[in-house]
Amino acid sequence: MPDIPEKFRHLMSDKRAFANLATVMADGSPQVTPVWFDYSNGKIRVNTAKGRVKSRTMTEGAKVALAIMDPDNSYRYIQVRGTVARVTENGADQHIDSLAKKYLDKDT
């Protein structure tokens, strides 16, 4: 994944910006879902539950795109495109708790 330009890095970590995650369905049609995310070690991470559309479309190597809009200025956003690098359940509970802290200011 390319580095996020410096002028957009605060959207990745300092703000409660939502990402609109685009994936591709089995029939080739696009699917878009607003998601919580974090940015760690040059990777964007999202969390989902089994059975949701995201869990079926986000397989390793799948093409994805995210549009992350500045919550203070809806005309300012960054788009990131790439492929799913890894899918894991390890640490999922801790990850969703950290996202709850970021977005809801709650521990879980």
N, C-alpha and C. Protein backbone atom coordinates (compact mmCIF):
# COMPACT_ATOMS: atom_id res chain seq x y z
N MET A 1 0.84 -1.17 0.00
CA MET A 1 0.00 0.00 0.00
C MET A 1 0.89 1.24 0.00
N PRO A 2 0.57 2.22 -0.83
CA PRO A 2 1.36 3.45 -0.82
C PRO A 2 1.17 4.20 0.49
N ASP A 3 2.17 5.03 0.81
CA ASP A 3 2.06 5.84 2.01
C ASP A 3 0.91 6.84 1.86
N ILE A 4 0.26 7.11 2.97
CA ILE A 4 -0.79 8.12 2.99
C ILE A 4 -0.11 9.49 3.00
N PRO A 5 -0.50 10.40 2.11
CA PRO A 5 0.11 11.73 2.11
C PRO A 5 -0.03 12.40 3.49
N GLU A 6 0.98 13.10 3.87
CA GLU A 6 1.03 13.75 5.19
C GLU A 6 -0.22 14.58 5.47
N LYS A 7 -0.73 15.30 4.46
CA LYS A 7 -1.88 16.18 4.69
C LYS A 7 -3.17 15.43 4.99
N PHE A 8 -3.18 14.09 4.82
CA PHE A 8 -4.36 13.29 5.11
C PHE A 8 -4.17 12.33 6.29
N ARG A 9 -2.99 12.26 6.84
CA ARG A 9 -2.73 11.28 7.91
C ARG A 9 -3.60 11.49 9.14
N HIS A 10 -3.93 12.74 9.44
CA HIS A 10 -4.78 12.99 10.61
C HIS A 10 -6.17 12.36 10.43
N LEU A 11 -6.63 12.22 9.19
CA LEU A 11 -7.92 11.56 8.94
C LEU A 11 -7.84 10.07 9.30
N MET A 12 -6.65 9.53 9.21
CA MET A 12 -6.46 8.10 9.45
C MET A 12 -6.42 7.76 10.93
N SER A 13 -6.00 8.71 11.76
CA SER A 13 -5.82 8.35 13.17
C SER A 13 -6.38 9.35 14.17
N ASP A 14 -6.34 10.62 13.87
CA ASP A 14 -6.72 11.63 14.86
C ASP A 14 -8.21 11.95 14.88
N LYS A 15 -8.91 11.67 13.81
CA LYS A 15 -10.32 12.04 13.71
C LYS A 15 -11.19 10.79 13.73
N ARG A 16 -12.45 10.98 14.01
CA ARG A 16 -13.43 9.90 13.97
C ARG A 16 -14.06 9.82 12.58
N ALA A 17 -13.21 9.73 11.59
CA ALA A 17 -13.67 9.66 10.20
C ALA A 17 -14.15 8.25 9.90
N PHE A 18 -15.26 8.15 9.21
CA PHE A 18 -15.74 6.86 8.73
C PHE A 18 -15.15 6.61 7.35
N ALA A 19 -15.02 5.35 7.01
CA ALA A 19 -14.60 4.98 5.66
C ALA A 19 -15.78 4.32 4.96
N ASN A 20 -15.92 4.60 3.68
CA ASN A 20 -16.87 3.87 2.85
C ASN A 20 -16.06 2.82 2.12
N LEU A 21 -16.29 1.57 2.49
CA LEU A 21 -15.53 0.45 1.98
C LEU A 21 -16.25 -0.16 0.78
N ALA A 22 -15.58 -0.21 -0.36
CA ALA A 22 -16.14 -0.82 -1.56
C ALA A 22 -15.46 -2.16 -1.79
N THR A 23 -16.29 -3.19 -1.98
CA THR A 23 -15.81 -4.53 -2.31
C THR A 23 -16.56 -5.01 -3.55
N VAL A 24 -16.20 -6.18 -4.02
CA VAL A 24 -16.81 -6.73 -5.22
C VAL A 24 -17.55 -8.02 -4.86
N MET A 25 -18.83 -8.09 -5.22
CA MET A 25 -19.65 -9.27 -4.96
C MET A 25 -19.27 -10.40 -5.92
N ALA A 26 -19.73 -11.60 -5.63
CA ALA A 26 -19.42 -12.77 -6.47
C ALA A 26 -19.88 -12.57 -7.91
N ASP A 27 -20.98 -11.81 -8.10
CA ASP A 27 -21.47 -11.58 -9.46
C ASP A 27 -20.77 -10.42 -10.17
N GLY A 28 -19.77 -9.84 -9.50
CA GLY A 28 -19.00 -8.73 -10.09
C GLY A 28 -19.55 -7.36 -9.79
N SER A 29 -20.69 -7.27 -9.11
CA SER A 29 -21.27 -5.96 -8.79
C SER A 29 -20.57 -5.37 -7.57
N PRO A 30 -20.51 -4.04 -7.50
CA PRO A 30 -19.88 -3.39 -6.36
C PRO A 30 -20.80 -3.40 -5.14
N GLN A 31 -20.19 -3.33 -3.99
CA GLN A 31 -20.93 -3.27 -2.72
C GLN A 31 -20.18 -2.27 -1.85
N VAL A 32 -20.90 -1.34 -1.22
CA VAL A 32 -20.28 -0.30 -0.40
C VAL A 32 -20.90 -0.31 0.99
N THR A 33 -20.03 -0.24 2.01
CA THR A 33 -20.48 -0.25 3.39
C THR A 33 -19.70 0.82 4.17
N PRO A 34 -20.38 1.65 4.97
CA PRO A 34 -19.64 2.55 5.87
C PRO A 34 -19.07 1.72 7.02
N VAL A 35 -17.80 1.96 7.35
CA VAL A 35 -17.13 1.16 8.38
C VAL A 35 -16.28 2.04 9.28
N TRP A 36 -16.09 1.52 10.50
CA TRP A 36 -15.04 2.02 11.37
C TRP A 36 -13.74 1.41 10.88
N PHE A 37 -12.63 2.11 11.08
CA PHE A 37 -11.34 1.60 10.66
C PHE A 37 -10.25 2.19 11.55
N ASP A 38 -9.09 1.58 11.47
CA ASP A 38 -7.90 2.21 12.04
C ASP A 38 -6.75 2.03 11.07
N TYR A 39 -5.69 2.77 11.34
CA TYR A 39 -4.51 2.77 10.49
C TYR A 39 -3.33 2.47 11.40
N SER A 40 -2.67 1.35 11.15
CA SER A 40 -1.59 0.91 12.02
C SER A 40 -0.48 0.28 11.19
N ASN A 41 0.74 0.74 11.39
CA ASN A 41 1.90 0.18 10.69
C ASN A 41 1.71 0.17 9.17
N GLY A 42 1.15 1.24 8.63
CA GLY A 42 0.97 1.36 7.19
C GLY A 42 -0.17 0.55 6.62
N LYS A 43 -1.01 -0.02 7.48
CA LYS A 43 -2.14 -0.83 7.04
C LYS A 43 -3.44 -0.25 7.56
N ILE A 44 -4.48 -0.31 6.74
CA ILE A 44 -5.82 0.05 7.17
C ILE A 44 -6.50 -1.23 7.61
N ARG A 45 -7.08 -1.20 8.81
CA ARG A 45 -7.74 -2.39 9.34
C ARG A 45 -9.22 -2.10 9.58
N VAL A 46 -10.06 -3.06 9.19
CA VAL A 46 -11.49 -3.00 9.48
C VAL A 46 -11.87 -4.28 10.20
N ASN A 47 -13.02 -4.26 10.82
CA ASN A 47 -13.48 -5.40 11.60
C ASN A 47 -14.90 -5.72 11.16
N THR A 48 -15.22 -6.99 11.06
CA THR A 48 -16.58 -7.38 10.69
C THR A 48 -16.94 -8.69 11.37
N ALA A 49 -18.20 -8.98 11.41
CA ALA A 49 -18.67 -10.23 11.99
C ALA A 49 -18.92 -11.25 10.88
N LYS A 50 -18.76 -12.51 11.21
CA LYS A 50 -19.05 -13.58 10.25
C LYS A 50 -20.50 -13.46 9.79
N GLY A 51 -20.72 -13.75 8.52
CA GLY A 51 -22.06 -13.71 7.97
C GLY A 51 -22.42 -12.41 7.29
N ARG A 52 -21.71 -11.35 7.59
CA ARG A 52 -21.99 -10.08 6.93
C ARG A 52 -21.40 -10.10 5.52
N VAL A 53 -21.93 -9.25 4.67
CA VAL A 53 -21.45 -9.20 3.29
C VAL A 53 -19.94 -8.95 3.26
N LYS A 54 -19.46 -8.04 4.09
CA LYS A 54 -18.02 -7.75 4.10
C LYS A 54 -17.20 -9.00 4.35
N SER A 55 -17.67 -9.86 5.23
CA SER A 55 -16.89 -11.06 5.55
C SER A 55 -16.82 -12.02 4.38
N ARG A 56 -17.80 -11.95 3.49
CA ARG A 56 -17.79 -12.82 2.31
C ARG A 56 -16.99 -12.21 1.16
N THR A 57 -16.95 -10.90 1.07
CA THR A 57 -16.27 -10.25 -0.06
C THR A 57 -14.82 -9.89 0.23
N MET A 58 -14.45 -9.81 1.50
CA MET A 58 -13.09 -9.43 1.86
C MET A 58 -12.23 -10.66 2.14
N THR A 59 -11.89 -11.34 1.08
CA THR A 59 -10.99 -12.48 1.19
C THR A 59 -9.58 -12.02 0.82
N GLU A 60 -8.58 -12.76 1.25
CA GLU A 60 -7.21 -12.35 0.94
C GLU A 60 -7.03 -12.25 -0.57
N GLY A 61 -6.47 -11.12 -0.99
CA GLY A 61 -6.24 -10.85 -2.40
C GLY A 61 -7.39 -10.14 -3.09
N ALA A 62 -8.53 -10.00 -2.42
CA ALA A 62 -9.68 -9.31 -3.02
C ALA A 62 -9.39 -7.83 -3.20
N LYS A 63 -9.90 -7.26 -4.26
CA LYS A 63 -9.74 -5.82 -4.51
C LYS A 63 -10.74 -5.04 -3.66
N VAL A 64 -10.26 -3.95 -3.08
CA VAL A 64 -11.08 -3.09 -2.24
C VAL A 64 -10.72 -1.63 -2.49
N ALA A 65 -11.61 -0.75 -2.10
CA ALA A 65 -11.35 0.67 -2.12
C ALA A 65 -12.03 1.29 -0.92
N LEU A 66 -11.43 2.35 -0.40
CA LEU A 66 -12.03 3.09 0.70
C LEU A 66 -12.03 4.57 0.35
N ALA A 67 -13.14 5.23 0.65
CA ALA A 67 -13.22 6.69 0.58
C ALA A 67 -13.39 7.14 2.02
N ILE A 68 -12.44 7.93 2.49
CA ILE A 68 -12.44 8.40 3.88
C ILE A 68 -12.65 9.91 3.86
N MET A 69 -13.82 10.33 4.35
CA MET A 69 -14.21 11.73 4.29
C MET A 69 -13.89 12.43 5.61
N ASP A 70 -13.39 13.64 5.50
CA ASP A 70 -13.11 14.46 6.67
C ASP A 70 -14.44 14.83 7.33
N PRO A 71 -14.66 14.45 8.60
CA PRO A 71 -15.94 14.76 9.24
C PRO A 71 -16.17 16.27 9.43
N ASP A 72 -15.12 17.07 9.31
CA ASP A 72 -15.26 18.52 9.45
C ASP A 72 -15.45 19.23 8.11
N ASN A 73 -15.24 18.52 7.00
CA ASN A 73 -15.36 19.13 5.68
C ASN A 73 -15.67 18.02 4.69
N SER A 74 -16.94 17.82 4.37
CA SER A 74 -17.35 16.69 3.54
C SER A 74 -16.86 16.78 2.10
N TYR A 75 -16.28 17.91 1.70
CA TYR A 75 -15.71 18.03 0.36
C TYR A 75 -14.25 17.57 0.34
N ARG A 76 -13.70 17.25 1.49
CA ARG A 76 -12.30 16.83 1.59
C ARG A 76 -12.26 15.35 1.96
N TYR A 77 -11.61 14.55 1.13
CA TYR A 77 -11.54 13.11 1.39
C TYR A 77 -10.29 12.54 0.75
N ILE A 78 -9.99 11.32 1.14
CA ILE A 78 -8.92 10.57 0.51
C ILE A 78 -9.50 9.23 0.06
N GLN A 79 -9.07 8.79 -1.10
CA GLN A 79 -9.46 7.47 -1.59
C GLN A 79 -8.22 6.58 -1.55
N VAL A 80 -8.41 5.37 -1.06
CA VAL A 80 -7.33 4.39 -1.01
C VAL A 80 -7.82 3.13 -1.70
N ARG A 81 -7.02 2.61 -2.63
CA ARG A 81 -7.38 1.38 -3.33
C ARG A 81 -6.28 0.35 -3.14
N GLY A 82 -6.67 -0.91 -3.07
CA GLY A 82 -5.67 -1.96 -2.92
C GLY A 82 -6.31 -3.32 -2.87
N THR A 83 -5.59 -4.25 -2.25
CA THR A 83 -6.10 -5.60 -2.09
C THR A 83 -6.04 -5.99 -0.61
N VAL A 84 -6.89 -6.90 -0.23
CA VAL A 84 -6.91 -7.39 1.14
C VAL A 84 -5.62 -8.19 1.36
N ALA A 85 -4.84 -7.78 2.34
CA ALA A 85 -3.56 -8.44 2.61
C ALA A 85 -3.73 -9.65 3.52
N ARG A 86 -4.63 -9.53 4.49
CA ARG A 86 -4.76 -10.60 5.47
C ARG A 86 -6.14 -10.59 6.10
N VAL A 87 -6.65 -11.77 6.36
CA VAL A 87 -7.92 -11.93 7.07
C VAL A 87 -7.62 -12.81 8.27
N THR A 88 -8.03 -12.36 9.46
CA THR A 88 -7.78 -13.15 10.67
C THR A 88 -8.85 -12.88 11.71
N GLU A 89 -9.05 -13.85 12.57
CA GLU A 89 -9.92 -13.66 13.73
C GLU A 89 -9.09 -13.37 14.98
N ASN A 90 -7.79 -13.62 14.90
CA ASN A 90 -6.91 -13.38 16.05
C ASN A 90 -6.90 -11.89 16.39
N GLY A 91 -7.23 -11.57 17.63
CA GLY A 91 -7.23 -10.19 18.08
C GLY A 91 -8.47 -9.40 17.69
N ALA A 92 -9.47 -10.06 17.11
CA ALA A 92 -10.67 -9.35 16.63
C ALA A 92 -11.42 -8.65 17.76
N ASP A 93 -11.55 -9.32 18.90
CA ASP A 93 -12.27 -8.70 20.02
C ASP A 93 -11.55 -7.46 20.53
N GLN A 94 -10.25 -7.55 20.66
CA GLN A 94 -9.47 -6.39 21.11
C GLN A 94 -9.54 -5.26 20.08
N HIS A 95 -9.53 -5.63 18.80
CA HIS A 95 -9.59 -4.62 17.75
C HIS A 95 -10.92 -3.89 17.76
N ILE A 96 -12.03 -4.62 17.87
CA ILE A 96 -13.33 -3.93 17.88
C ILE A 96 -13.47 -3.07 19.13
N ASP A 97 -12.89 -3.51 20.25
CA ASP A 97 -12.90 -2.67 21.45
C ASP A 97 -12.12 -1.38 21.24
N SER A 98 -10.98 -1.46 20.55
CA SER A 98 -10.20 -0.24 20.29
C SER A 98 -10.96 0.68 19.34
N LEU A 99 -11.72 0.11 18.40
CA LEU A 99 -12.54 0.94 17.52
C LEU A 99 -13.70 1.57 18.28
N ALA A 100 -14.29 0.85 19.23
CA ALA A 100 -15.35 1.41 20.07
C ALA A 100 -14.82 2.59 20.87
N LYS A 101 -13.59 2.49 21.33
CA LYS A 101 -12.97 3.60 22.06
C LYS A 101 -12.80 4.80 21.15
N LYS A 102 -12.31 4.56 19.94
CA LYS A 102 -12.09 5.66 18.97
C LYS A 102 -13.40 6.34 18.58
N TYR A 103 -14.41 5.54 18.25
CA TYR A 103 -15.64 6.12 17.67
C TYR A 103 -16.72 6.45 18.68
N LEU A 104 -16.76 5.72 19.81
CA LEU A 104 -17.82 5.93 20.79
C LEU A 104 -17.32 6.40 22.14
N ASP A 105 -15.99 6.41 22.30
CA ASP A 105 -15.35 6.72 23.58
C ASP A 105 -15.85 5.77 24.67
N LYS A 106 -16.03 4.49 24.26
CA LYS A 106 -16.42 3.42 25.21
C LYS A 106 -15.37 2.32 25.14
N ASP A 107 -15.20 1.61 26.24
CA ASP A 107 -14.18 0.58 26.30
C ASP A 107 -14.53 -0.67 25.50
N THR A 108 -15.82 -0.95 25.36
CA THR A 108 -16.24 -2.14 24.58
C THR A 108 -17.41 -1.80 23.70
